[in-house]
Protein backbone atom coordinates (compact mmCIF):
# COMPACT_ATOMS: atom_id res chain seq x y z
CA MET A 1 -200.65 96.87 -31.35
CA LYS A 2 -202.97 95.26 -28.78
CA LEU A 3 -201.33 91.89 -29.40
CA LYS A 4 -197.92 93.42 -28.71
CA PHE A 5 -199.10 94.84 -25.37
CA ALA A 6 -200.75 91.55 -24.43
CA THR A 7 -197.55 89.63 -25.23
CA VAL A 8 -195.36 92.03 -23.25
CA GLY A 9 -197.83 91.94 -20.34
CA ALA A 10 -197.93 88.13 -20.31
CA PHE A 11 -194.13 87.96 -20.43
CA ALA A 12 -193.84 90.40 -17.52
CA LEU A 13 -196.40 88.42 -15.53
CA ILE A 14 -194.50 85.16 -16.09
CA LEU A 15 -191.18 86.74 -15.10
CA GLY A 16 -192.77 88.22 -11.97
CA ALA A 17 -194.22 84.87 -10.95
CA CYS A 18 -190.93 83.06 -11.48
CA SER A 19 -188.72 85.62 -9.76
CA GLN A 20 -186.91 84.53 -6.63
CA GLN A 21 -188.88 85.26 -3.49
CA GLU A 22 -187.23 86.69 -0.38
CA GLU A 23 -187.42 84.63 2.78
CA PRO A 24 -189.84 86.26 5.22
CA ALA A 25 -188.33 87.94 8.26
CA PRO A 26 -189.38 86.49 11.64
CA VAL A 27 -191.92 88.45 13.66
CA TYR A 28 -191.02 88.98 17.29
CA ILE A 29 -193.00 90.33 20.23
CA THR A 30 -191.53 93.06 22.41
CA PRO A 31 -191.13 91.84 26.01
CA GLU A 32 -192.72 93.65 28.92
CA TYR A 33 -190.40 95.04 31.59
CA ASP A 34 -191.08 95.31 35.32
CA LYS A 35 -190.07 98.26 37.53
CA VAL A 36 -186.56 96.86 37.99
CA GLY A 37 -186.08 96.33 34.24
CA ASN A 38 -186.42 92.55 34.05
CA PRO A 39 -188.01 91.40 30.77
CA SER A 40 -190.89 88.91 30.70
CA CYS A 41 -192.77 87.27 27.84
CA PRO A 42 -196.40 86.14 27.47
CA ALA A 43 -197.36 82.46 27.47
CA GLY A 44 -196.29 80.56 24.37
CA THR A 45 -193.14 82.62 23.90
CA GLN A 46 -189.64 82.57 25.32
CA LEU A 47 -187.06 85.25 25.91
CA ALA A 48 -184.44 85.42 23.13
CA THR A 49 -181.76 87.74 21.78
CA THR A 50 -181.50 88.61 18.09
CA GLU A 51 -178.25 88.79 16.14
CA ALA A 52 -178.49 92.58 16.48
CA GLY A 53 -178.53 92.21 20.29
CA GLN A 54 -182.20 93.06 20.86
CA THR A 55 -184.14 91.25 23.57
CA VAL A 56 -187.36 89.81 22.10
CA CYS A 57 -190.05 87.22 22.77
CA ASP A 58 -189.75 84.33 20.31
CA PRO A 59 -192.65 81.90 19.75
CA VAL A 60 -191.98 78.44 21.21
CA ALA A 61 -191.86 75.67 18.56
CA GLN A 62 -194.44 72.98 19.17
């Protein structure tokens, strides 16, 4: 009985390790807005718009 559980557990572990991984979603920084409503981003990032239409700060590729 223990051998059966060990075999099933090893099989599940192998399937889990070989399963297709999802591509990680990009992490964006929320821009800061001045009194007039103009967005600005910290150093090392640039202002960008996502496909959903959100204004975000995207890291600059080096």
